Amino acid sequence: MPDTALAPAGKREITKAQNRQAILDAAREVFGEAGFETVTVRDIIRRTGLASGTFYNYFRSKDEVASALSRDGARRFSPILKAQRERARTWAEFVRGALGAYYDFLASEHDSWLARRTAAESGEALMGETPEMAAVFEEVRRSIIDEAERGGARGVDADYLAAACIGLAREIGWKMLARRPVDTAAATDFAATLILRGTAGLSEASR
């Protein structure tokens, strides 16, 4: 015979989980549309349809929401990048694999965001940077530094190299999303060629 005393508590936990997810989903949308800096807590609450007091039962600020999204982005991308690192036998394979994984992830996030737009809204709208993507870049940065220090880019400043790779990948990624069709393979090849040839030149100059 079921313990009916546990039913209300179980239902409350489900509701709490649903409310929290609704806030995160709403924040992901509005951050994507307007960018993190311009979005307010009120914008997030308005998108959820929840009472303003409900929001503050879960998060104290939009920064806390952003942190939760960042952790989610890093959690989902980290095993993808780890698999690329384990598979790569050379610096070139790592660069191409990491870029390909990033652009596939970016395109998937973008498609997911577009799928939530109404029919009246433009499908060409470009997703703004979200905390999730910032977390993905942090994963990439750490991996680039690790690979460079293991000898993949001998003599090259690892911090500068990571900054250059990330900036290049970021800008090409946004341009990739603005085009139709979205071509992740072309973006990967272009970015990887620039990075690998540039790294080779820097390594040669350091000798």
N, C-alpha and C. Protein backbone atom coordinates (compact mmCIF):
# COMPACT_ATOMS: atom_id res chain seq x y z
N MET A 1 0.84 -1.20 0.00
CA MET A 1 0.00 0.00 0.00
C MET A 1 0.88 1.26 0.00
N PRO A 2 0.66 2.22 -0.93
CA PRO A 2 1.52 3.38 -1.02
C PRO A 2 1.44 4.26 0.21
N ASP A 3 2.54 4.88 0.54
CA ASP A 3 2.61 5.80 1.68
C ASP A 3 2.15 7.16 1.20
N THR A 4 0.88 7.48 1.46
CA THR A 4 0.32 8.73 0.96
C THR A 4 0.95 9.94 1.63
N ALA A 5 1.58 9.75 2.79
CA ALA A 5 2.21 10.88 3.47
C ALA A 5 3.38 11.42 2.68
N LEU A 6 3.99 10.55 1.82
CA LEU A 6 5.13 10.98 1.03
C LEU A 6 4.71 11.66 -0.27
N ALA A 7 3.47 11.48 -0.68
CA ALA A 7 3.03 12.01 -1.97
C ALA A 7 3.13 13.53 -2.06
N PRO A 8 2.63 14.30 -1.08
CA PRO A 8 2.75 15.75 -1.18
C PRO A 8 4.19 16.22 -1.26
N ALA A 9 5.07 15.60 -0.47
CA ALA A 9 6.47 16.00 -0.49
C ALA A 9 7.09 15.70 -1.86
N GLY A 10 6.74 14.54 -2.41
CA GLY A 10 7.26 14.18 -3.73
C GLY A 10 6.79 15.14 -4.80
N LYS A 11 5.54 15.54 -4.72
CA LYS A 11 4.99 16.48 -5.70
C LYS A 11 5.67 17.84 -5.58
N ARG A 12 5.94 18.25 -4.34
CA ARG A 12 6.62 19.53 -4.14
C ARG A 12 8.01 19.52 -4.76
N GLU A 13 8.72 18.40 -4.61
CA GLU A 13 10.06 18.31 -5.17
C GLU A 13 10.02 18.38 -6.69
N ILE A 14 9.02 17.75 -7.28
CA ILE A 14 8.86 17.80 -8.73
C ILE A 14 8.58 19.23 -9.19
N THR A 15 7.69 19.90 -8.47
CA THR A 15 7.35 21.28 -8.81
C THR A 15 8.57 22.18 -8.69
N LYS A 16 9.36 21.98 -7.63
CA LYS A 16 10.56 22.79 -7.45
C LYS A 16 11.53 22.58 -8.60
N ALA A 17 11.71 21.34 -9.00
CA ALA A 17 12.61 21.05 -10.11
C ALA A 17 12.11 21.67 -11.41
N GLN A 18 10.79 21.61 -11.61
CA GLN A 18 10.20 22.18 -12.83
C GLN A 18 10.35 23.70 -12.83
N ASN A 19 10.13 24.33 -11.69
CA ASN A 19 10.27 25.79 -11.62
C ASN A 19 11.70 26.22 -11.89
N ARG A 20 12.64 25.51 -11.29
CA ARG A 20 14.05 25.85 -11.48
C ARG A 20 14.44 25.70 -12.94
N GLN A 21 13.98 24.62 -13.57
CA GLN A 21 14.30 24.41 -14.98
C GLN A 21 13.65 25.47 -15.85
N ALA A 22 12.43 25.88 -15.49
CA ALA A 22 11.75 26.93 -16.26
C ALA A 22 12.54 28.23 -16.21
N ILE A 23 13.11 28.53 -15.06
CA ILE A 23 13.92 29.75 -14.92
C ILE A 23 15.17 29.65 -15.78
N LEU A 24 15.84 28.51 -15.74
CA LEU A 24 17.05 28.32 -16.53
C LEU A 24 16.75 28.39 -18.02
N ASP A 25 15.66 27.75 -18.45
CA ASP A 25 15.29 27.79 -19.87
C ASP A 25 14.98 29.22 -20.32
N ALA A 26 14.26 29.95 -19.47
CA ALA A 26 13.92 31.34 -19.80
C ALA A 26 15.17 32.20 -19.87
N ALA A 27 16.08 32.01 -18.92
CA ALA A 27 17.31 32.79 -18.91
C ALA A 27 18.15 32.48 -20.15
N ARG A 28 18.21 31.22 -20.53
CA ARG A 28 18.97 30.84 -21.72
C ARG A 28 18.42 31.56 -22.94
N GLU A 29 17.12 31.66 -23.03
CA GLU A 29 16.50 32.33 -24.17
C GLU A 29 16.80 33.82 -24.18
N VAL A 30 16.56 34.48 -23.06
CA VAL A 30 16.73 35.94 -23.07
C VAL A 30 18.20 36.33 -23.12
N PHE A 31 19.09 35.54 -22.52
CA PHE A 31 20.52 35.81 -22.67
C PHE A 31 20.91 35.67 -24.14
N GLY A 32 20.35 34.66 -24.80
CA GLY A 32 20.66 34.45 -26.20
C GLY A 32 20.13 35.55 -27.08
N GLU A 33 18.98 36.09 -26.75
CA GLU A 33 18.37 37.13 -27.58
C GLU A 33 19.04 38.48 -27.39
N ALA A 34 19.28 38.86 -26.15
CA ALA A 34 19.72 40.22 -25.86
C ALA A 34 21.14 40.33 -25.34
N GLY A 35 21.74 39.20 -24.95
CA GLY A 35 23.07 39.26 -24.36
C GLY A 35 22.98 39.41 -22.85
N PHE A 36 23.95 38.82 -22.17
CA PHE A 36 23.91 38.77 -20.72
C PHE A 36 23.85 40.15 -20.07
N GLU A 37 24.65 41.09 -20.56
CA GLU A 37 24.77 42.39 -19.90
C GLU A 37 23.46 43.16 -19.87
N THR A 38 22.67 43.07 -20.92
CA THR A 38 21.46 43.89 -21.00
C THR A 38 20.24 43.25 -20.34
N VAL A 39 20.29 41.96 -20.09
CA VAL A 39 19.15 41.26 -19.51
C VAL A 39 19.03 41.56 -18.02
N THR A 40 17.80 41.69 -17.55
CA THR A 40 17.53 41.90 -16.13
C THR A 40 16.78 40.70 -15.56
N VAL A 41 16.73 40.63 -14.25
CA VAL A 41 15.96 39.57 -13.60
C VAL A 41 14.50 39.66 -14.03
N ARG A 42 14.00 40.86 -14.15
CA ARG A 42 12.61 41.04 -14.58
C ARG A 42 12.36 40.42 -15.95
N ASP A 43 13.33 40.55 -16.86
CA ASP A 43 13.19 39.94 -18.19
C ASP A 43 13.07 38.42 -18.08
N ILE A 44 13.87 37.84 -17.21
CA ILE A 44 13.82 36.38 -17.03
C ILE A 44 12.49 35.96 -16.44
N ILE A 45 12.06 36.66 -15.40
CA ILE A 45 10.79 36.33 -14.74
C ILE A 45 9.64 36.45 -15.72
N ARG A 46 9.64 37.51 -16.51
CA ARG A 46 8.55 37.72 -17.47
C ARG A 46 8.46 36.55 -18.45
N ARG A 47 9.58 36.00 -18.85
CA ARG A 47 9.58 34.89 -19.81
C ARG A 47 9.08 33.59 -19.18
N THR A 48 9.28 33.42 -17.87
CA THR A 48 8.86 32.18 -17.21
C THR A 48 7.36 32.12 -16.98
N GLY A 49 6.75 33.28 -16.74
CA GLY A 49 5.34 33.29 -16.36
C GLY A 49 5.14 33.00 -14.88
N LEU A 50 6.23 32.85 -14.13
CA LEU A 50 6.14 32.59 -12.70
C LEU A 50 6.05 33.91 -11.94
N ALA A 51 5.63 33.83 -10.69
CA ALA A 51 5.61 35.02 -9.84
C ALA A 51 7.04 35.43 -9.52
N SER A 52 7.26 36.73 -9.32
CA SER A 52 8.61 37.21 -9.06
C SER A 52 9.19 36.59 -7.80
N GLY A 53 8.34 36.36 -6.80
CA GLY A 53 8.83 35.75 -5.56
C GLY A 53 9.35 34.34 -5.79
N THR A 54 8.78 33.64 -6.76
CA THR A 54 9.21 32.28 -7.05
C THR A 54 10.65 32.26 -7.53
N PHE A 55 11.00 33.23 -8.35
CA PHE A 55 12.38 33.31 -8.85
C PHE A 55 13.37 33.33 -7.70
N TYR A 56 13.09 34.18 -6.72
CA TYR A 56 14.03 34.36 -5.61
C TYR A 56 14.04 33.19 -4.63
N ASN A 57 13.14 32.24 -4.82
CA ASN A 57 13.23 31.01 -4.04
C ASN A 57 14.38 30.13 -4.54
N TYR A 58 14.84 30.40 -5.77
CA TYR A 58 15.85 29.56 -6.39
C TYR A 58 17.17 30.29 -6.65
N PHE A 59 17.08 31.55 -7.02
CA PHE A 59 18.27 32.33 -7.36
C PHE A 59 18.17 33.73 -6.76
N ARG A 60 19.32 34.27 -6.37
CA ARG A 60 19.34 35.61 -5.79
C ARG A 60 19.57 36.69 -6.83
N SER A 61 20.08 36.32 -8.00
CA SER A 61 20.41 37.30 -9.01
C SER A 61 20.55 36.63 -10.36
N LYS A 62 20.68 37.44 -11.40
CA LYS A 62 20.90 36.85 -12.72
C LYS A 62 22.30 36.23 -12.80
N ASP A 63 23.23 36.72 -11.98
CA ASP A 63 24.56 36.13 -11.97
C ASP A 63 24.52 34.68 -11.48
N GLU A 64 23.67 34.41 -10.50
CA GLU A 64 23.54 33.03 -10.03
C GLU A 64 22.93 32.14 -11.11
N VAL A 65 21.98 32.70 -11.85
CA VAL A 65 21.40 31.94 -12.96
C VAL A 65 22.48 31.66 -14.00
N ALA A 66 23.28 32.67 -14.31
CA ALA A 66 24.34 32.51 -15.30
C ALA A 66 25.34 31.45 -14.85
N SER A 67 25.66 31.43 -13.57
CA SER A 67 26.58 30.42 -13.05
C SER A 67 26.02 29.01 -13.23
N ALA A 68 24.72 28.87 -12.99
CA ALA A 68 24.08 27.57 -13.15
C ALA A 68 24.12 27.14 -14.62
N LEU A 69 23.89 28.08 -15.53
CA LEU A 69 23.95 27.76 -16.95
C LEU A 69 25.37 27.43 -17.38
N SER A 70 26.34 28.15 -16.83
CA SER A 70 27.74 27.90 -17.17
C SER A 70 28.15 26.49 -16.74
N ARG A 71 27.74 26.13 -15.54
CA ARG A 71 28.08 24.78 -15.07
C ARG A 71 27.45 23.73 -15.98
N ASP A 72 26.24 24.00 -16.43
CA ASP A 72 25.57 23.06 -17.32
C ASP A 72 26.29 22.96 -18.66
N GLY A 73 26.70 24.13 -19.20
CA GLY A 73 27.41 24.12 -20.47
C GLY A 73 28.73 23.38 -20.37
N ALA A 74 29.48 23.66 -19.30
CA ALA A 74 30.77 22.99 -19.11
C ALA A 74 30.57 21.49 -18.90
N ARG A 75 29.53 21.14 -18.15
CA ARG A 75 29.26 19.72 -17.88
C ARG A 75 28.97 18.97 -19.17
N ARG A 76 28.21 19.59 -20.06
CA ARG A 76 27.84 18.91 -21.30
C ARG A 76 28.96 18.87 -22.32
N PHE A 77 29.78 19.93 -22.35
CA PHE A 77 30.84 19.97 -23.36
C PHE A 77 32.11 19.28 -22.91
N SER A 78 32.37 19.24 -21.62
CA SER A 78 33.62 18.69 -21.12
C SER A 78 33.90 17.27 -21.61
N PRO A 79 32.94 16.34 -21.53
CA PRO A 79 33.24 14.98 -22.02
C PRO A 79 33.46 14.93 -23.52
N ILE A 80 32.82 15.85 -24.26
CA ILE A 80 33.02 15.91 -25.71
C ILE A 80 34.46 16.30 -26.01
N LEU A 81 34.94 17.34 -25.33
CA LEU A 81 36.30 17.81 -25.54
C LEU A 81 37.32 16.78 -25.03
N LYS A 82 37.01 16.15 -23.92
CA LYS A 82 37.91 15.12 -23.38
C LYS A 82 38.08 13.99 -24.37
N ALA A 83 37.01 13.59 -25.02
CA ALA A 83 37.08 12.53 -26.01
C ALA A 83 37.97 12.93 -27.18
N GLN A 84 37.87 14.20 -27.58
CA GLN A 84 38.72 14.69 -28.67
C GLN A 84 40.20 14.66 -28.26
N ARG A 85 40.48 15.05 -27.04
CA ARG A 85 41.86 15.07 -26.56
C ARG A 85 42.44 13.66 -26.48
N GLU A 86 41.62 12.73 -26.05
CA GLU A 86 42.10 11.34 -25.93
C GLU A 86 42.31 10.70 -27.31
N ARG A 87 41.50 11.13 -28.26
CA ARG A 87 41.58 10.55 -29.60
C ARG A 87 42.77 11.11 -30.39
N ALA A 88 43.11 12.37 -30.14
CA ALA A 88 44.14 13.04 -30.93
C ALA A 88 45.53 12.50 -30.62
N ARG A 89 46.30 12.24 -31.67
CA ARG A 89 47.68 11.77 -31.51
C ARG A 89 48.69 12.88 -31.73
N THR A 90 48.26 13.96 -32.35
CA THR A 90 49.15 15.08 -32.64
C THR A 90 48.46 16.40 -32.30
N TRP A 91 49.25 17.47 -32.28
CA TRP A 91 48.70 18.81 -32.06
C TRP A 91 47.67 19.16 -33.13
N ALA A 92 47.97 18.82 -34.39
CA ALA A 92 47.06 19.13 -35.49
C ALA A 92 45.72 18.40 -35.32
N GLU A 93 45.79 17.14 -34.92
CA GLU A 93 44.55 16.39 -34.72
C GLU A 93 43.74 16.98 -33.57
N PHE A 94 44.45 17.41 -32.52
CA PHE A 94 43.74 18.02 -31.40
C PHE A 94 43.04 19.31 -31.82
N VAL A 95 43.75 20.18 -32.53
CA VAL A 95 43.17 21.46 -32.95
C VAL A 95 41.94 21.23 -33.81
N ARG A 96 42.05 20.37 -34.80
CA ARG A 96 40.90 20.11 -35.68
C ARG A 96 39.75 19.46 -34.91
N GLY A 97 40.10 18.51 -34.05
CA GLY A 97 39.05 17.84 -33.29
C GLY A 97 38.34 18.77 -32.33
N ALA A 98 39.12 19.62 -31.63
CA ALA A 98 38.52 20.54 -30.67
C ALA A 98 37.65 21.58 -31.37
N LEU A 99 38.13 22.10 -32.49
CA LEU A 99 37.34 23.09 -33.24
C LEU A 99 36.07 22.46 -33.79
N GLY A 100 36.20 21.26 -34.35
CA GLY A 100 35.01 20.59 -34.88
C GLY A 100 33.98 20.33 -33.80
N ALA A 101 34.46 19.89 -32.64
CA ALA A 101 33.54 19.63 -31.52
C ALA A 101 32.88 20.92 -31.06
N TYR A 102 33.65 22.00 -31.00
CA TYR A 102 33.10 23.29 -30.57
C TYR A 102 32.05 23.79 -31.55
N TYR A 103 32.36 23.75 -32.84
CA TYR A 103 31.40 24.27 -33.81
C TYR A 103 30.13 23.41 -33.88
N ASP A 104 30.28 22.12 -33.71
CA ASP A 104 29.10 21.26 -33.65
C ASP A 104 28.25 21.60 -32.42
N PHE A 105 28.91 21.82 -31.30
CA PHE A 105 28.20 22.19 -30.07
C PHE A 105 27.50 23.53 -30.24
N LEU A 106 28.20 24.50 -30.81
CA LEU A 106 27.63 25.82 -31.02
C LEU A 106 26.42 25.76 -31.95
N ALA A 107 26.54 25.00 -33.03
CA ALA A 107 25.43 24.87 -33.97
C ALA A 107 24.23 24.19 -33.32
N SER A 108 24.50 23.19 -32.49
CA SER A 108 23.42 22.49 -31.80
C SER A 108 22.70 23.41 -30.83
N GLU A 109 23.47 24.22 -30.07
CA GLU A 109 22.87 25.18 -29.15
C GLU A 109 22.04 26.20 -29.91
N HIS A 110 22.55 26.63 -31.04
CA HIS A 110 21.86 27.62 -31.85
C HIS A 110 20.56 27.05 -32.41
N ASP A 111 20.62 25.82 -32.91
CA ASP A 111 19.41 25.18 -33.45
C ASP A 111 18.36 25.01 -32.36
N SER A 112 18.81 24.65 -31.16
CA SER A 112 17.88 24.49 -30.04
C SER A 112 17.20 25.81 -29.71
N TRP A 113 17.98 26.88 -29.75
CA TRP A 113 17.42 28.21 -29.46
C TRP A 113 16.43 28.63 -30.54
N LEU A 114 16.79 28.41 -31.81
CA LEU A 114 15.90 28.78 -32.90
C LEU A 114 14.59 27.99 -32.85
N ALA A 115 14.66 26.76 -32.40
CA ALA A 115 13.47 25.92 -32.34
C ALA A 115 12.43 26.47 -31.38
N ARG A 116 12.87 27.32 -30.43
CA ARG A 116 11.94 27.89 -29.46
C ARG A 116 11.38 29.24 -29.91
N ARG A 117 11.84 29.76 -31.07
CA ARG A 117 11.33 31.03 -31.55
C ARG A 117 9.95 30.84 -32.16
N THR A 118 9.13 31.86 -32.14
CA THR A 118 7.81 31.78 -32.76
C THR A 118 7.97 31.90 -34.27
N ALA A 119 6.95 31.48 -35.00
CA ALA A 119 7.00 31.52 -36.45
C ALA A 119 7.16 32.94 -36.98
N ALA A 120 6.68 33.91 -36.21
CA ALA A 120 6.74 35.31 -36.66
C ALA A 120 8.13 35.90 -36.52
N GLU A 121 9.00 35.25 -35.76
CA GLU A 121 10.33 35.78 -35.54
C GLU A 121 11.29 35.25 -36.59
N SER A 122 12.30 36.02 -36.88
CA SER A 122 13.24 35.68 -37.93
C SER A 122 14.11 34.49 -37.55
N GLY A 123 14.20 33.53 -38.44
CA GLY A 123 15.08 32.40 -38.23
C GLY A 123 16.54 32.75 -38.45
N GLU A 124 16.79 33.95 -38.94
CA GLU A 124 18.16 34.38 -39.20
C GLU A 124 18.78 35.06 -37.99
N ALA A 125 18.00 35.24 -36.92
CA ALA A 125 18.53 35.93 -35.75
C ALA A 125 19.73 35.18 -35.19
N LEU A 126 20.78 35.90 -34.86
CA LEU A 126 21.99 35.29 -34.37
C LEU A 126 21.96 35.19 -32.86
N MET A 127 22.21 34.00 -32.34
CA MET A 127 22.22 33.82 -30.90
C MET A 127 23.38 34.59 -30.28
N GLY A 128 23.09 35.42 -29.29
CA GLY A 128 24.14 36.13 -28.60
C GLY A 128 24.91 35.20 -27.69
N GLU A 129 26.01 35.67 -27.18
CA GLU A 129 26.83 34.84 -26.30
C GLU A 129 26.09 34.60 -24.99
N THR A 130 26.16 33.38 -24.52
CA THR A 130 25.52 33.01 -23.26
C THR A 130 26.58 32.54 -22.27
N PRO A 131 26.25 32.49 -21.00
CA PRO A 131 27.19 31.95 -20.02
C PRO A 131 27.62 30.52 -20.34
N GLU A 132 26.73 29.77 -20.97
CA GLU A 132 27.09 28.40 -21.34
C GLU A 132 28.25 28.38 -22.31
N MET A 133 28.21 29.27 -23.29
CA MET A 133 29.28 29.30 -24.27
C MET A 133 30.57 29.82 -23.66
N ALA A 134 30.45 30.73 -22.70
CA ALA A 134 31.65 31.20 -21.99
C ALA A 134 32.32 30.03 -21.26
N ALA A 135 31.50 29.16 -20.70
CA ALA A 135 32.04 27.99 -20.01
C ALA A 135 32.71 27.04 -20.99
N VAL A 136 32.13 26.90 -22.16
CA VAL A 136 32.74 26.05 -23.19
C VAL A 136 34.11 26.59 -23.57
N PHE A 137 34.20 27.91 -23.74
CA PHE A 137 35.49 28.50 -24.09
C PHE A 137 36.52 28.27 -23.00
N GLU A 138 36.10 28.28 -21.74
CA GLU A 138 37.04 28.03 -20.65
C GLU A 138 37.58 26.60 -20.73
N GLU A 139 36.71 25.66 -21.09
CA GLU A 139 37.17 24.28 -21.27
C GLU A 139 38.20 24.21 -22.40
N VAL A 140 37.91 24.90 -23.49
CA VAL A 140 38.82 24.91 -24.64
C VAL A 140 40.15 25.56 -24.25
N ARG A 141 40.08 26.67 -23.53
CA ARG A 141 41.30 27.40 -23.13
C ARG A 141 42.24 26.50 -22.33
N ARG A 142 41.67 25.82 -21.33
CA ARG A 142 42.51 24.96 -20.50
C ARG A 142 43.14 23.83 -21.32
N SER A 143 42.37 23.29 -22.25
CA SER A 143 42.89 22.20 -23.07
C SER A 143 43.99 22.67 -24.00
N ILE A 144 43.82 23.84 -24.60
CA ILE A 144 44.85 24.39 -25.48
C ILE A 144 46.15 24.61 -24.72
N ILE A 145 46.03 25.18 -23.54
CA ILE A 145 47.23 25.43 -22.71
C ILE A 145 47.92 24.12 -22.36
N ASP A 146 47.14 23.11 -21.97
CA ASP A 146 47.71 21.81 -21.62
C ASP A 146 48.43 21.19 -22.82
N GLU A 147 47.78 21.22 -23.98
CA GLU A 147 48.36 20.61 -25.17
C GLU A 147 49.62 21.36 -25.59
N ALA A 148 49.59 22.68 -25.54
CA ALA A 148 50.76 23.46 -25.93
C ALA A 148 51.94 23.19 -25.03
N GLU A 149 51.67 23.08 -23.73
CA GLU A 149 52.74 22.84 -22.78
C GLU A 149 53.30 21.43 -22.88
N ARG A 150 52.54 20.52 -23.47
CA ARG A 150 53.05 19.16 -23.67
C ARG A 150 53.91 19.06 -24.92
N GLY A 151 54.11 20.17 -25.60
CA GLY A 151 55.00 20.17 -26.76
C GLY A 151 54.29 20.27 -28.08
N GLY A 152 52.97 20.42 -28.08
CA GLY A 152 52.25 20.52 -29.35
C GLY A 152 52.57 21.81 -30.09
N ALA A 153 52.97 22.83 -29.37
CA ALA A 153 53.33 24.11 -29.98
C ALA A 153 54.59 24.60 -29.29
N ARG A 154 55.70 24.01 -29.63
CA ARG A 154 56.95 24.27 -28.93
C ARG A 154 57.38 25.72 -29.04
N GLY A 155 57.72 26.29 -27.87
CA GLY A 155 58.24 27.63 -27.85
C GLY A 155 57.20 28.73 -27.92
N VAL A 156 55.94 28.37 -28.00
CA VAL A 156 54.87 29.36 -28.14
C VAL A 156 54.28 29.65 -26.76
N ASP A 157 54.03 30.92 -26.47
CA ASP A 157 53.41 31.30 -25.20
C ASP A 157 52.01 30.69 -25.14
N ALA A 158 51.79 29.79 -24.20
CA ALA A 158 50.54 29.04 -24.13
C ALA A 158 49.34 29.93 -23.86
N ASP A 159 49.51 30.92 -22.97
CA ASP A 159 48.39 31.82 -22.68
C ASP A 159 48.00 32.64 -23.90
N TYR A 160 49.00 33.18 -24.59
CA TYR A 160 48.71 33.96 -25.79
C TYR A 160 48.09 33.08 -26.87
N LEU A 161 48.62 31.87 -26.99
CA LEU A 161 48.08 30.96 -28.00
C LEU A 161 46.62 30.63 -27.72
N ALA A 162 46.31 30.36 -26.45
CA ALA A 162 44.93 30.06 -26.09
C ALA A 162 44.02 31.25 -26.39
N ALA A 163 44.48 32.46 -26.05
CA ALA A 163 43.68 33.66 -26.31
C ALA A 163 43.44 33.83 -27.80
N ALA A 164 44.49 33.61 -28.61
CA ALA A 164 44.36 33.77 -30.06
C ALA A 164 43.41 32.73 -30.65
N CYS A 165 43.58 31.47 -30.21
CA CYS A 165 42.72 30.40 -30.73
C CYS A 165 41.26 30.64 -30.38
N ILE A 166 41.03 31.04 -29.13
CA ILE A 166 39.67 31.26 -28.67
C ILE A 166 39.02 32.43 -29.39
N GLY A 167 39.77 33.54 -29.52
CA GLY A 167 39.22 34.70 -30.22
C GLY A 167 38.88 34.37 -31.66
N LEU A 168 39.79 33.65 -32.33
CA LEU A 168 39.55 33.25 -33.71
C LEU A 168 38.34 32.34 -33.83
N ALA A 169 38.30 31.32 -32.96
CA ALA A 169 37.19 30.37 -33.01
C ALA A 169 35.87 31.06 -32.73
N ARG A 170 35.86 31.99 -31.79
CA ARG A 170 34.64 32.71 -31.42
C ARG A 170 34.08 33.50 -32.61
N GLU A 171 34.93 34.30 -33.22
CA GLU A 171 34.46 35.16 -34.31
C GLU A 171 34.02 34.35 -35.52
N ILE A 172 34.78 33.33 -35.85
CA ILE A 172 34.37 32.47 -36.97
C ILE A 172 33.07 31.74 -36.63
N GLY A 173 32.92 31.35 -35.37
CA GLY A 173 31.69 30.67 -34.95
C GLY A 173 30.46 31.53 -35.13
N TRP A 174 30.55 32.81 -34.71
CA TRP A 174 29.38 33.68 -34.86
C TRP A 174 29.06 33.91 -36.34
N LYS A 175 30.12 34.07 -37.17
CA LYS A 175 29.88 34.25 -38.61
C LYS A 175 29.27 32.98 -39.20
N MET A 176 29.73 31.83 -38.75
CA MET A 176 29.18 30.56 -39.21
C MET A 176 27.68 30.49 -38.95
N LEU A 177 27.26 30.92 -37.75
CA LEU A 177 25.84 30.86 -37.40
C LEU A 177 25.00 31.83 -38.23
N ALA A 178 25.62 32.90 -38.70
CA ALA A 178 24.88 33.90 -39.46
C ALA A 178 24.63 33.45 -40.91
N ARG A 179 25.35 32.43 -41.36
CA ARG A 179 25.21 31.97 -42.73
C ARG A 179 24.19 30.85 -42.84
N ARG A 180 23.67 30.65 -44.06
CA ARG A 180 22.79 29.54 -44.33
C ARG A 180 23.25 28.85 -45.61
N PRO A 181 23.46 27.55 -45.60
CA PRO A 181 23.32 26.70 -44.42
C PRO A 181 24.50 26.86 -43.47
N VAL A 182 24.31 26.46 -42.23
CA VAL A 182 25.40 26.48 -41.26
C VAL A 182 26.36 25.35 -41.61
N ASP A 183 27.60 25.71 -41.92
CA ASP A 183 28.59 24.74 -42.40
C ASP A 183 29.70 24.60 -41.36
N THR A 184 29.55 23.65 -40.46
CA THR A 184 30.55 23.47 -39.40
C THR A 184 31.88 22.95 -39.95
N ALA A 185 31.83 22.14 -41.02
CA ALA A 185 33.05 21.59 -41.59
C ALA A 185 33.92 22.69 -42.19
N ALA A 186 33.30 23.61 -42.91
CA ALA A 186 34.05 24.71 -43.52
C ALA A 186 34.65 25.61 -42.45
N ALA A 187 33.89 25.88 -41.39
CA ALA A 187 34.39 26.71 -40.30
C ALA A 187 35.57 26.04 -39.62
N THR A 188 35.45 24.74 -39.40
CA THR A 188 36.53 23.99 -38.76
C THR A 188 37.80 24.04 -39.60
N ASP A 189 37.67 23.78 -40.90
CA ASP A 189 38.83 23.75 -41.79
C ASP A 189 39.51 25.11 -41.85
N PHE A 190 38.72 26.17 -41.96
CA PHE A 190 39.29 27.52 -42.07
C PHE A 190 40.04 27.88 -40.79
N ALA A 191 39.38 27.69 -39.64
CA ALA A 191 40.00 28.07 -38.37
C ALA A 191 41.23 27.21 -38.08
N ALA A 192 41.13 25.92 -38.33
CA ALA A 192 42.26 25.03 -38.04
C ALA A 192 43.46 25.37 -38.90
N THR A 193 43.23 25.68 -40.16
CA THR A 193 44.33 26.03 -41.05
C THR A 193 45.06 27.28 -40.56
N LEU A 194 44.31 28.30 -40.17
CA LEU A 194 44.93 29.52 -39.66
C LEU A 194 45.73 29.25 -38.38
N ILE A 195 45.14 28.50 -37.47
CA ILE A 195 45.80 28.24 -36.19
C ILE A 195 47.06 27.39 -36.38
N LEU A 196 46.96 26.33 -37.16
CA LEU A 196 48.11 25.44 -37.33
C LEU A 196 49.25 26.09 -38.08
N ARG A 197 48.93 26.85 -39.12
CA ARG A 197 49.99 27.53 -39.85
C ARG A 197 50.61 28.64 -39.00
N GLY A 198 49.77 29.34 -38.25
CA GLY A 198 50.29 30.39 -37.39
C GLY A 198 51.16 29.83 -36.28
N THR A 199 50.73 28.71 -35.70
CA THR A 199 51.51 28.08 -34.64
C THR A 199 52.85 27.60 -35.16
N ALA A 200 52.84 27.02 -36.36
CA ALA A 200 54.09 26.54 -36.95
C ALA A 200 55.06 27.70 -37.16
N GLY A 201 54.54 28.84 -37.60
CA GLY A 201 55.39 30.00 -37.80
C GLY A 201 55.97 30.52 -36.50
N LEU A 202 55.15 30.54 -35.46
CA LEU A 202 55.64 31.00 -34.15
C LEU A 202 56.68 30.04 -33.58
N SER A 203 56.45 28.76 -33.75
CA SER A 203 57.41 27.77 -33.25
C SER A 203 58.76 27.91 -33.97
N GLU A 204 58.68 28.14 -35.27
CA GLU A 204 59.91 28.30 -36.06
C GLU A 204 60.66 29.55 -35.63
N ALA A 205 59.92 30.62 -35.37
CA ALA A 205 60.55 31.89 -34.99
C ALA A 205 61.21 31.82 -33.63
N SER A 206 60.72 30.91 -32.76
CA SER A 206 61.26 30.81 -31.41
C SER A 206 62.55 30.01 -31.32
N ARG A 207 62.92 29.34 -32.38
CA ARG A 207 64.12 28.51 -32.35
C ARG A 207 65.39 29.37 -32.42
